[in-house]
């Protein structure tokens, strides 16, 4: 959120607004380039493949009539897979 300062000197309030915007943008840049978050996002996509395989095996061999639950879990994992 950008804080607006009301005073007679417009230059100081414009400078204050620029500092707030720069801080907000710097935070976004730092989170986008964080290697830990990038690794976790990649690991999430990779981890969904064995889980989808496990759902398929359970659906075929263990509970063949429980397709409702398996479709829900499969849809959630497909969303995570992106």
N, C-alpha and C. Protein backbone atom coordinates (compact mmCIF):
# COMPACT_ATOMS: atom_id res chain seq x y z
N UNK A 1 0.84 -1.17 0.00
CA UNK A 1 0.00 0.00 0.00
C UNK A 1 0.89 1.23 0.00
N UNK A 2 0.55 2.20 -0.78
CA UNK A 2 1.35 3.42 -0.91
C UNK A 2 0.81 4.45 0.07
N UNK A 3 1.70 4.97 0.91
CA UNK A 3 1.30 6.00 1.86
C UNK A 3 1.38 7.36 1.18
N UNK A 4 0.35 8.15 1.32
CA UNK A 4 0.32 9.49 0.73
C UNK A 4 0.45 10.49 1.87
N UNK A 5 1.44 11.36 1.77
CA UNK A 5 1.69 12.37 2.78
C UNK A 5 1.10 13.68 2.28
N UNK A 6 0.28 14.31 3.11
CA UNK A 6 -0.32 15.59 2.73
C UNK A 6 0.42 16.72 3.43
N UNK A 7 1.17 17.47 2.67
CA UNK A 7 1.75 18.71 3.19
C UNK A 7 1.91 19.66 2.02
N UNK A 8 2.38 20.83 2.31
CA UNK A 8 2.43 21.87 1.27
C UNK A 8 3.53 21.64 0.26
N UNK A 9 4.56 20.95 0.63
CA UNK A 9 5.67 20.74 -0.28
C UNK A 9 5.43 19.46 -1.08
N UNK A 10 5.02 19.60 -2.33
CA UNK A 10 4.68 18.45 -3.17
C UNK A 10 5.91 17.60 -3.50
N UNK A 11 7.08 18.21 -3.52
CA UNK A 11 8.29 17.46 -3.85
C UNK A 11 8.60 16.43 -2.78
N UNK A 12 8.40 16.78 -1.53
CA UNK A 12 8.71 15.82 -0.46
C UNK A 12 7.70 14.67 -0.44
N UNK A 13 6.44 14.96 -0.71
CA UNK A 13 5.46 13.88 -0.71
C UNK A 13 5.66 12.96 -1.92
N UNK A 14 6.04 13.54 -3.06
CA UNK A 14 6.31 12.70 -4.23
C UNK A 14 7.53 11.83 -3.99
N UNK A 15 8.53 12.38 -3.32
CA UNK A 15 9.71 11.59 -2.99
C UNK A 15 9.37 10.46 -2.03
N UNK A 16 8.49 10.74 -1.08
CA UNK A 16 8.07 9.71 -0.13
C UNK A 16 7.32 8.59 -0.86
N UNK A 17 6.47 8.96 -1.80
CA UNK A 17 5.72 7.95 -2.56
C UNK A 17 6.67 7.09 -3.40
N UNK A 18 7.71 7.71 -3.97
CA UNK A 18 8.66 6.94 -4.77
C UNK A 18 9.41 5.94 -3.90
N UNK A 19 9.77 6.33 -2.68
CA UNK A 19 10.47 5.41 -1.79
C UNK A 19 9.59 4.21 -1.43
N UNK A 20 8.31 4.45 -1.18
CA UNK A 20 7.40 3.36 -0.85
C UNK A 20 7.26 2.40 -2.02
N UNK A 21 7.15 2.94 -3.23
CA UNK A 21 7.02 2.08 -4.41
C UNK A 21 8.29 1.28 -4.64
N UNK A 22 9.45 1.90 -4.43
CA UNK A 22 10.71 1.19 -4.62
C UNK A 22 10.85 0.05 -3.62
N UNK A 23 10.44 0.28 -2.38
CA UNK A 23 10.52 -0.78 -1.38
C UNK A 23 9.60 -1.95 -1.76
N UNK A 24 8.41 -1.63 -2.22
CA UNK A 24 7.46 -2.67 -2.60
C UNK A 24 8.01 -3.47 -3.77
N UNK A 25 8.55 -2.79 -4.77
CA UNK A 25 9.09 -3.48 -5.94
C UNK A 25 10.33 -4.29 -5.58
N UNK A 26 11.15 -3.80 -4.68
CA UNK A 26 12.35 -4.53 -4.27
C UNK A 26 11.97 -5.83 -3.57
N UNK A 27 10.91 -5.80 -2.78
CA UNK A 27 10.46 -7.02 -2.12
C UNK A 27 9.97 -8.05 -3.11
N UNK A 28 9.28 -7.62 -4.14
CA UNK A 28 8.81 -8.55 -5.17
C UNK A 28 9.99 -9.16 -5.92
N UNK A 29 10.97 -8.36 -6.24
CA UNK A 29 12.12 -8.85 -6.99
C UNK A 29 12.89 -9.87 -6.16
N UNK A 30 13.06 -9.60 -4.89
CA UNK A 30 13.82 -10.51 -4.04
C UNK A 30 13.11 -11.85 -3.92
N UNK A 31 11.79 -11.86 -3.77
CA UNK A 31 11.07 -13.12 -3.63
C UNK A 31 11.04 -13.89 -4.94
N UNK A 32 11.08 -13.20 -6.07
CA UNK A 32 11.06 -13.89 -7.35
C UNK A 32 12.40 -14.54 -7.66
N UNK A 33 13.47 -14.00 -7.13
CA UNK A 33 14.80 -14.54 -7.42
C UNK A 33 15.36 -15.39 -6.28
N UNK A 34 14.56 -15.71 -5.29
CA UNK A 34 15.03 -16.48 -4.16
C UNK A 34 15.25 -17.92 -4.58
N UNK A 35 16.47 -18.44 -4.49
CA UNK A 35 16.75 -19.80 -4.98
C UNK A 35 16.03 -20.88 -4.18
N UNK A 36 15.76 -20.62 -2.90
CA UNK A 36 15.05 -21.61 -2.10
C UNK A 36 13.63 -21.78 -2.62
N UNK A 37 12.96 -20.67 -2.91
CA UNK A 37 11.60 -20.75 -3.43
C UNK A 37 11.56 -21.38 -4.82
N UNK A 38 12.55 -21.08 -5.63
CA UNK A 38 12.62 -21.70 -6.95
C UNK A 38 12.81 -23.21 -6.83
N UNK A 39 13.66 -23.65 -5.91
CA UNK A 39 13.88 -25.08 -5.71
C UNK A 39 12.62 -25.76 -5.19
N UNK A 40 11.92 -25.12 -4.24
CA UNK A 40 10.70 -25.71 -3.71
C UNK A 40 9.62 -25.83 -4.78
N UNK A 41 9.52 -24.85 -5.64
CA UNK A 41 8.55 -24.92 -6.72
C UNK A 41 8.86 -26.03 -7.70
N UNK A 42 10.13 -26.20 -8.02
CA UNK A 42 10.54 -27.28 -8.92
C UNK A 42 10.34 -28.63 -8.26
N UNK A 43 10.67 -28.73 -6.98
CA UNK A 43 10.50 -29.99 -6.25
C UNK A 43 9.03 -30.38 -6.15
N UNK A 44 8.15 -29.40 -6.03
CA UNK A 44 6.72 -29.70 -5.97
C UNK A 44 6.25 -30.32 -7.27
N UNK A 45 6.68 -29.76 -8.38
CA UNK A 45 6.28 -30.31 -9.68
C UNK A 45 6.80 -31.72 -9.88
N UNK A 46 8.03 -31.96 -9.46
CA UNK A 46 8.61 -33.29 -9.63
C UNK A 46 7.95 -34.30 -8.69
N UNK A 47 7.61 -33.88 -7.49
CA UNK A 47 7.03 -34.79 -6.50
C UNK A 47 5.61 -35.22 -6.85
N UNK A 48 4.93 -34.50 -7.71
CA UNK A 48 3.57 -34.89 -8.06
C UNK A 48 3.53 -36.13 -8.94
N UNK A 49 4.57 -36.39 -9.71
CA UNK A 49 4.55 -37.55 -10.62
C UNK A 49 4.46 -38.88 -9.87
N UNK A 50 5.28 -39.16 -8.86
CA UNK A 50 5.10 -40.42 -8.14
C UNK A 50 3.76 -40.51 -7.42
N UNK A 51 3.27 -39.38 -6.94
CA UNK A 51 1.96 -39.41 -6.26
C UNK A 51 0.84 -39.73 -7.24
N UNK A 52 0.91 -39.19 -8.44
CA UNK A 52 -0.09 -39.54 -9.46
C UNK A 52 0.01 -41.02 -9.82
N UNK A 53 1.22 -41.55 -9.89
CA UNK A 53 1.40 -42.97 -10.14
C UNK A 53 0.83 -43.82 -9.02
N UNK A 54 1.02 -43.38 -7.79
CA UNK A 54 0.47 -44.11 -6.65
C UNK A 54 -1.05 -44.11 -6.69
N UNK A 55 -1.65 -42.98 -7.04
CA UNK A 55 -3.10 -42.92 -7.17
C UNK A 55 -3.58 -43.89 -8.24
N UNK A 56 -2.87 -43.96 -9.35
CA UNK A 56 -3.27 -44.87 -10.44
C UNK A 56 -3.18 -46.33 -10.00
N UNK A 57 -2.11 -46.69 -9.28
CA UNK A 57 -1.96 -48.08 -8.82
C UNK A 57 -3.06 -48.43 -7.82
N UNK A 58 -3.34 -47.55 -6.88
CA UNK A 58 -4.39 -47.81 -5.90
C UNK A 58 -5.74 -47.91 -6.58
N UNK A 59 -6.00 -47.05 -7.55
CA UNK A 59 -7.27 -47.08 -8.26
C UNK A 59 -7.44 -48.39 -9.02
N UNK A 60 -6.40 -48.86 -9.66
CA UNK A 60 -6.50 -50.06 -10.50
C UNK A 60 -6.53 -51.34 -9.67
N UNK A 61 -5.63 -51.45 -8.67
CA UNK A 61 -5.44 -52.73 -7.99
C UNK A 61 -6.10 -52.84 -6.62
N UNK A 62 -6.30 -51.74 -5.91
CA UNK A 62 -6.76 -51.84 -4.53
C UNK A 62 -8.24 -51.47 -4.40
N UNK A 63 -8.60 -50.26 -4.82
CA UNK A 63 -9.98 -49.79 -4.70
C UNK A 63 -10.49 -49.36 -6.08
N UNK A 64 -10.90 -50.30 -6.90
CA UNK A 64 -11.32 -49.92 -8.26
C UNK A 64 -12.62 -49.12 -8.31
N UNK A 65 -13.43 -49.17 -7.26
CA UNK A 65 -14.70 -48.44 -7.26
C UNK A 65 -14.61 -47.07 -6.59
N UNK A 66 -13.46 -46.67 -6.13
CA UNK A 66 -13.30 -45.41 -5.41
C UNK A 66 -12.78 -44.31 -6.34
N UNK A 67 -13.33 -44.27 -7.54
CA UNK A 67 -12.82 -43.29 -8.51
C UNK A 67 -13.14 -41.85 -8.12
N UNK A 68 -14.21 -41.63 -7.34
CA UNK A 68 -14.55 -40.25 -6.92
C UNK A 68 -13.41 -39.62 -6.11
N UNK A 69 -12.93 -40.36 -5.13
CA UNK A 69 -11.85 -39.83 -4.29
C UNK A 69 -10.56 -39.69 -5.08
N UNK A 70 -10.29 -40.64 -5.95
CA UNK A 70 -9.05 -40.58 -6.71
C UNK A 70 -9.06 -39.46 -7.74
N UNK A 71 -10.22 -39.15 -8.29
CA UNK A 71 -10.31 -38.02 -9.22
C UNK A 71 -10.06 -36.70 -8.51
N UNK A 72 -10.56 -36.59 -7.29
CA UNK A 72 -10.33 -35.35 -6.52
C UNK A 72 -8.84 -35.18 -6.24
N UNK A 73 -8.20 -36.24 -5.73
CA UNK A 73 -6.76 -36.15 -5.43
C UNK A 73 -5.95 -35.94 -6.70
N UNK A 74 -6.35 -36.60 -7.78
CA UNK A 74 -5.64 -36.42 -9.04
C UNK A 74 -5.77 -35.00 -9.58
N UNK A 75 -6.94 -34.40 -9.39
CA UNK A 75 -7.14 -33.02 -9.85
C UNK A 75 -6.28 -32.05 -9.03
N UNK A 76 -6.20 -32.28 -7.73
CA UNK A 76 -5.37 -31.42 -6.89
C UNK A 76 -3.91 -31.52 -7.30
N UNK A 77 -3.45 -32.75 -7.54
CA UNK A 77 -2.05 -32.92 -7.95
C UNK A 77 -1.80 -32.35 -9.34
N UNK A 78 -2.79 -32.44 -10.22
CA UNK A 78 -2.63 -31.85 -11.55
C UNK A 78 -2.52 -30.33 -11.48
N UNK A 79 -3.25 -29.73 -10.55
CA UNK A 79 -3.12 -28.27 -10.35
C UNK A 79 -1.73 -27.91 -9.82
N UNK A 80 -1.21 -28.72 -8.91
CA UNK A 80 0.14 -28.46 -8.41
C UNK A 80 1.19 -28.66 -9.49
N UNK A 81 0.94 -29.61 -10.36
CA UNK A 81 1.87 -29.90 -11.46
C UNK A 81 1.96 -28.72 -12.42
N UNK A 82 0.85 -28.06 -12.60
CA UNK A 82 0.81 -26.85 -13.42
C UNK A 82 0.93 -27.14 -14.85
